[in-house]
Amino acid sequence: MSESLRELSERATPGEWNIYVENMPDLSSAESEAVMLIRDTPEFSGRMVMVNAGGSCPALTGCSAKSEANAHFIVALVNAYRAGRLHDDTALA
C-alpha cells in the first residue's frame, strides 16, 4: 500500500478512538449484539468490513462509510509496527 499513515488517518473516523468491551453471557447474546450494531449503523455502506489475521477475524470494523478506511488504518499500523517501520519509543496511554 503506497498511502501514508497520515492519508489513511485522514480518511478514517476522526477523533480519539477507544476500545469498548461488553461482557456477553453466551454466544447467542454476542450474535444478537453484533446484529444490533450492524442494524444501527448510520449511513449503511452495503459492505461489511473485517480485519483478517491468519484466517481469523480479530476485528469487525462495521458497515458504515468509514469502516473500510478504519480497517486500512488499523492494518497499516499493525503491519508497519511489525515490519519495524514504527518504533516502540513512545509511551501509549
N, C-alpha and C. Protein backbone atom coordinates (compact mmCIF):
# COMPACT_ATOMS: atom_id res chain seq x y z
N MET A 1 0.85 -1.17 0.00
CA MET A 1 0.00 0.00 0.00
C MET A 1 0.89 1.23 0.00
N SER A 2 0.64 2.14 -0.90
CA SER A 2 1.51 3.29 -1.04
C SER A 2 1.01 4.51 -0.28
N GLU A 3 -0.10 4.41 0.40
CA GLU A 3 -0.63 5.55 1.13
C GLU A 3 0.13 5.73 2.45
N SER A 4 0.30 6.97 2.85
CA SER A 4 0.97 7.24 4.12
C SER A 4 -0.01 7.04 5.27
N LEU A 5 0.53 6.86 6.47
CA LEU A 5 -0.33 6.74 7.65
C LEU A 5 -1.16 8.00 7.82
N ARG A 6 -0.60 9.14 7.48
CA ARG A 6 -1.35 10.41 7.59
C ARG A 6 -2.57 10.38 6.67
N GLU A 7 -2.39 9.93 5.43
CA GLU A 7 -3.52 9.86 4.48
C GLU A 7 -4.57 8.87 4.97
N LEU A 8 -4.13 7.72 5.47
CA LEU A 8 -5.07 6.73 5.98
C LEU A 8 -5.82 7.28 7.19
N SER A 9 -5.11 7.96 8.07
CA SER A 9 -5.74 8.54 9.26
C SER A 9 -6.78 9.58 8.89
N GLU A 10 -6.48 10.39 7.90
CA GLU A 10 -7.42 11.44 7.48
C GLU A 10 -8.71 10.86 6.92
N ARG A 11 -8.67 9.68 6.33
CA ARG A 11 -9.87 9.05 5.79
C ARG A 11 -10.66 8.27 6.84
N ALA A 12 -9.98 7.89 7.92
CA ALA A 12 -10.62 7.10 8.97
C ALA A 12 -11.49 7.99 9.87
N THR A 13 -12.24 7.36 10.75
CA THR A 13 -13.10 8.08 11.68
C THR A 13 -12.26 9.05 12.51
N PRO A 14 -12.65 10.33 12.56
CA PRO A 14 -11.85 11.32 13.29
C PRO A 14 -12.01 11.17 14.81
N GLY A 15 -11.14 11.87 15.52
CA GLY A 15 -11.21 11.91 16.98
C GLY A 15 -10.44 10.78 17.63
N GLU A 16 -10.48 10.78 18.95
CA GLU A 16 -9.79 9.75 19.73
C GLU A 16 -10.58 8.45 19.66
N TRP A 17 -9.87 7.36 19.50
CA TRP A 17 -10.51 6.04 19.47
C TRP A 17 -10.32 5.38 20.83
N ASN A 18 -11.22 4.47 21.15
CA ASN A 18 -11.07 3.68 22.37
C ASN A 18 -11.61 2.28 22.12
N ILE A 19 -11.42 1.44 23.08
CA ILE A 19 -11.90 0.05 22.99
C ILE A 19 -13.09 -0.09 23.93
N TYR A 20 -14.15 -0.63 23.41
CA TYR A 20 -15.36 -0.87 24.20
C TYR A 20 -15.52 -2.38 24.35
N VAL A 21 -15.65 -2.83 25.58
CA VAL A 21 -15.82 -4.26 25.86
C VAL A 21 -17.12 -4.43 26.62
N GLU A 22 -17.93 -5.34 26.15
CA GLU A 22 -19.18 -5.65 26.84
C GLU A 22 -19.22 -7.16 27.08
N ASN A 23 -19.38 -7.53 28.33
CA ASN A 23 -19.45 -8.96 28.66
C ASN A 23 -20.73 -9.56 28.09
N MET A 24 -20.62 -10.76 27.57
CA MET A 24 -21.75 -11.47 26.99
C MET A 24 -21.90 -12.80 27.71
N PRO A 25 -23.10 -13.13 28.14
CA PRO A 25 -23.30 -14.37 28.89
C PRO A 25 -23.17 -15.63 28.03
N ASP A 26 -23.39 -15.47 26.71
CA ASP A 26 -23.32 -16.64 25.83
C ASP A 26 -23.17 -16.20 24.38
N LEU A 27 -22.93 -17.15 23.51
CA LEU A 27 -22.73 -16.87 22.09
C LEU A 27 -23.96 -16.23 21.46
N SER A 28 -25.13 -16.67 21.83
CA SER A 28 -26.36 -16.11 21.27
C SER A 28 -26.48 -14.62 21.58
N SER A 29 -26.12 -14.22 22.78
CA SER A 29 -26.16 -12.80 23.15
C SER A 29 -25.16 -12.00 22.34
N ALA A 30 -23.97 -12.56 22.12
CA ALA A 30 -22.96 -11.88 21.32
C ALA A 30 -23.43 -11.71 19.88
N GLU A 31 -24.05 -12.74 19.33
CA GLU A 31 -24.58 -12.65 17.97
C GLU A 31 -25.66 -11.58 17.88
N SER A 32 -26.54 -11.53 18.86
CA SER A 32 -27.61 -10.53 18.87
C SER A 32 -27.03 -9.12 18.95
N GLU A 33 -26.01 -8.93 19.77
CA GLU A 33 -25.38 -7.62 19.90
C GLU A 33 -24.74 -7.19 18.59
N ALA A 34 -24.06 -8.13 17.91
CA ALA A 34 -23.44 -7.82 16.62
C ALA A 34 -24.50 -7.42 15.59
N VAL A 35 -25.62 -8.11 15.59
CA VAL A 35 -26.71 -7.77 14.66
C VAL A 35 -27.23 -6.37 14.96
N MET A 36 -27.40 -6.03 16.24
CA MET A 36 -27.89 -4.70 16.60
C MET A 36 -26.90 -3.62 16.16
N LEU A 37 -25.61 -3.85 16.36
CA LEU A 37 -24.61 -2.87 15.95
C LEU A 37 -24.65 -2.63 14.45
N ILE A 38 -24.79 -3.70 13.70
CA ILE A 38 -24.85 -3.58 12.24
C ILE A 38 -26.16 -2.91 11.83
N ARG A 39 -27.25 -3.32 12.41
CA ARG A 39 -28.56 -2.76 12.08
C ARG A 39 -28.63 -1.26 12.36
N ASP A 40 -27.95 -0.82 13.43
CA ASP A 40 -28.00 0.59 13.82
C ASP A 40 -26.92 1.44 13.16
N THR A 41 -26.22 0.90 12.18
CA THR A 41 -25.16 1.64 11.50
C THR A 41 -25.72 2.82 10.73
N PRO A 42 -25.25 4.03 11.07
CA PRO A 42 -25.68 5.18 10.25
C PRO A 42 -24.98 5.10 8.90
N GLU A 43 -25.63 5.53 7.89
CA GLU A 43 -25.04 5.55 6.55
C GLU A 43 -24.52 4.18 6.14
N PHE A 44 -25.39 3.18 6.18
CA PHE A 44 -25.02 1.82 5.80
C PHE A 44 -24.41 1.82 4.40
N SER A 45 -23.23 1.23 4.27
CA SER A 45 -22.48 1.28 3.01
C SER A 45 -22.78 0.10 2.08
N GLY A 46 -23.48 -0.90 2.57
CA GLY A 46 -23.73 -2.09 1.75
C GLY A 46 -22.58 -3.07 1.79
N ARG A 47 -21.62 -2.85 2.67
CA ARG A 47 -20.46 -3.73 2.80
C ARG A 47 -20.15 -3.94 4.27
N MET A 48 -19.70 -5.14 4.62
CA MET A 48 -19.24 -5.41 5.98
C MET A 48 -17.73 -5.60 5.91
N VAL A 49 -17.00 -4.83 6.70
CA VAL A 49 -15.55 -4.82 6.62
C VAL A 49 -14.96 -5.48 7.85
N MET A 50 -14.08 -6.45 7.61
CA MET A 50 -13.43 -7.19 8.69
C MET A 50 -11.92 -7.15 8.50
N VAL A 51 -11.19 -7.11 9.60
CA VAL A 51 -9.74 -7.21 9.56
C VAL A 51 -9.39 -8.69 9.63
N ASN A 52 -8.54 -9.15 8.74
CA ASN A 52 -8.15 -10.56 8.69
C ASN A 52 -6.73 -10.72 9.21
N ALA A 53 -6.53 -11.74 10.02
CA ALA A 53 -5.19 -12.05 10.54
C ALA A 53 -5.05 -13.56 10.58
N GLY A 54 -4.32 -14.09 9.62
CA GLY A 54 -4.07 -15.52 9.60
C GLY A 54 -5.32 -16.36 9.46
N GLY A 55 -6.32 -15.84 8.77
CA GLY A 55 -7.54 -16.59 8.55
C GLY A 55 -8.60 -16.40 9.62
N SER A 56 -8.29 -15.64 10.67
CA SER A 56 -9.30 -15.34 11.67
C SER A 56 -9.71 -13.88 11.56
N CYS A 57 -10.73 -13.50 12.26
CA CYS A 57 -11.24 -12.13 12.17
C CYS A 57 -11.12 -11.46 13.54
N PRO A 58 -9.97 -10.84 13.83
CA PRO A 58 -9.81 -10.20 15.14
C PRO A 58 -10.59 -8.90 15.27
N ALA A 59 -11.10 -8.36 14.18
CA ALA A 59 -11.85 -7.11 14.28
C ALA A 59 -12.86 -6.97 13.14
N LEU A 60 -14.04 -6.55 13.49
CA LEU A 60 -15.08 -6.19 12.54
C LEU A 60 -15.21 -4.69 12.65
N THR A 61 -14.87 -3.96 11.60
CA THR A 61 -14.91 -2.50 11.70
C THR A 61 -16.27 -1.92 11.35
N GLY A 62 -17.17 -2.73 10.83
CA GLY A 62 -18.53 -2.28 10.64
C GLY A 62 -19.01 -2.23 9.21
N CYS A 63 -20.09 -1.46 9.02
CA CYS A 63 -20.77 -1.37 7.73
C CYS A 63 -21.01 0.06 7.32
N SER A 64 -20.32 1.01 7.93
CA SER A 64 -20.54 2.41 7.60
C SER A 64 -19.59 2.86 6.50
N ALA A 65 -19.76 4.08 6.08
CA ALA A 65 -18.90 4.63 5.03
C ALA A 65 -17.44 4.69 5.48
N LYS A 66 -17.18 4.81 6.77
CA LYS A 66 -15.81 4.91 7.29
C LYS A 66 -15.20 3.55 7.63
N SER A 67 -15.96 2.49 7.59
CA SER A 67 -15.49 1.18 8.04
C SER A 67 -14.26 0.68 7.28
N GLU A 68 -14.27 0.82 5.97
CA GLU A 68 -13.13 0.34 5.20
C GLU A 68 -11.88 1.20 5.46
N ALA A 69 -12.07 2.50 5.58
CA ALA A 69 -10.94 3.38 5.89
C ALA A 69 -10.37 3.05 7.27
N ASN A 70 -11.23 2.76 8.22
CA ASN A 70 -10.77 2.38 9.57
C ASN A 70 -9.95 1.10 9.52
N ALA A 71 -10.43 0.12 8.76
CA ALA A 71 -9.71 -1.15 8.65
C ALA A 71 -8.35 -0.96 8.00
N HIS A 72 -8.29 -0.16 6.94
CA HIS A 72 -7.00 0.10 6.29
C HIS A 72 -6.02 0.76 7.25
N PHE A 73 -6.50 1.68 8.06
CA PHE A 73 -5.65 2.38 9.02
C PHE A 73 -5.12 1.41 10.08
N ILE A 74 -6.00 0.58 10.63
CA ILE A 74 -5.59 -0.41 11.64
C ILE A 74 -4.54 -1.36 11.07
N VAL A 75 -4.81 -1.91 9.90
CA VAL A 75 -3.90 -2.88 9.28
C VAL A 75 -2.56 -2.23 8.95
N ALA A 76 -2.58 -1.00 8.45
CA ALA A 76 -1.32 -0.32 8.12
C ALA A 76 -0.48 -0.11 9.37
N LEU A 77 -1.10 0.28 10.47
CA LEU A 77 -0.36 0.48 11.71
C LEU A 77 0.24 -0.82 12.23
N VAL A 78 -0.55 -1.87 12.26
CA VAL A 78 -0.06 -3.17 12.74
C VAL A 78 1.09 -3.66 11.86
N ASN A 79 0.88 -3.64 10.55
CA ASN A 79 1.91 -4.16 9.65
C ASN A 79 3.18 -3.32 9.68
N ALA A 80 3.05 -2.00 9.77
CA ALA A 80 4.23 -1.13 9.83
C ALA A 80 5.01 -1.38 11.12
N TYR A 81 4.30 -1.53 12.23
CA TYR A 81 4.99 -1.80 13.50
C TYR A 81 5.73 -3.14 13.44
N ARG A 82 5.05 -4.15 12.97
CA ARG A 82 5.65 -5.49 12.94
C ARG A 82 6.80 -5.60 11.93
N ALA A 83 6.81 -4.73 10.93
CA ALA A 83 7.90 -4.72 9.95
C ALA A 83 9.05 -3.82 10.41
N GLY A 84 8.91 -3.21 11.59
CA GLY A 84 9.98 -2.37 12.13
C GLY A 84 9.99 -0.95 11.61
N ARG A 85 8.91 -0.52 10.94
CA ARG A 85 8.87 0.83 10.40
C ARG A 85 8.31 1.84 11.41
N LEU A 86 7.76 1.36 12.51
CA LEU A 86 7.35 2.22 13.62
C LEU A 86 8.18 1.82 14.82
N HIS A 87 8.56 2.78 15.61
CA HIS A 87 9.46 2.49 16.73
C HIS A 87 8.70 2.47 18.04
N ASP A 88 9.13 1.64 18.93
CA ASP A 88 8.48 1.46 20.22
C ASP A 88 9.10 2.38 21.26
N ASP A 89 9.24 3.66 20.93
CA ASP A 89 9.84 4.61 21.86
C ASP A 89 8.84 5.62 22.39
N THR A 90 7.58 5.42 22.10
CA THR A 90 6.54 6.31 22.57
C THR A 90 5.63 5.57 23.53
N ALA A 91 5.44 6.12 24.71
CA ALA A 91 4.54 5.50 25.68
C ALA A 91 3.10 5.70 25.21
N LEU A 92 2.34 4.66 25.25
CA LEU A 92 0.94 4.72 24.84
C LEU A 92 0.06 4.69 26.07
N ALA A 93 -0.98 5.49 26.05
CA ALA A 93 -1.89 5.53 27.19
C ALA A 93 -2.90 4.41 27.10
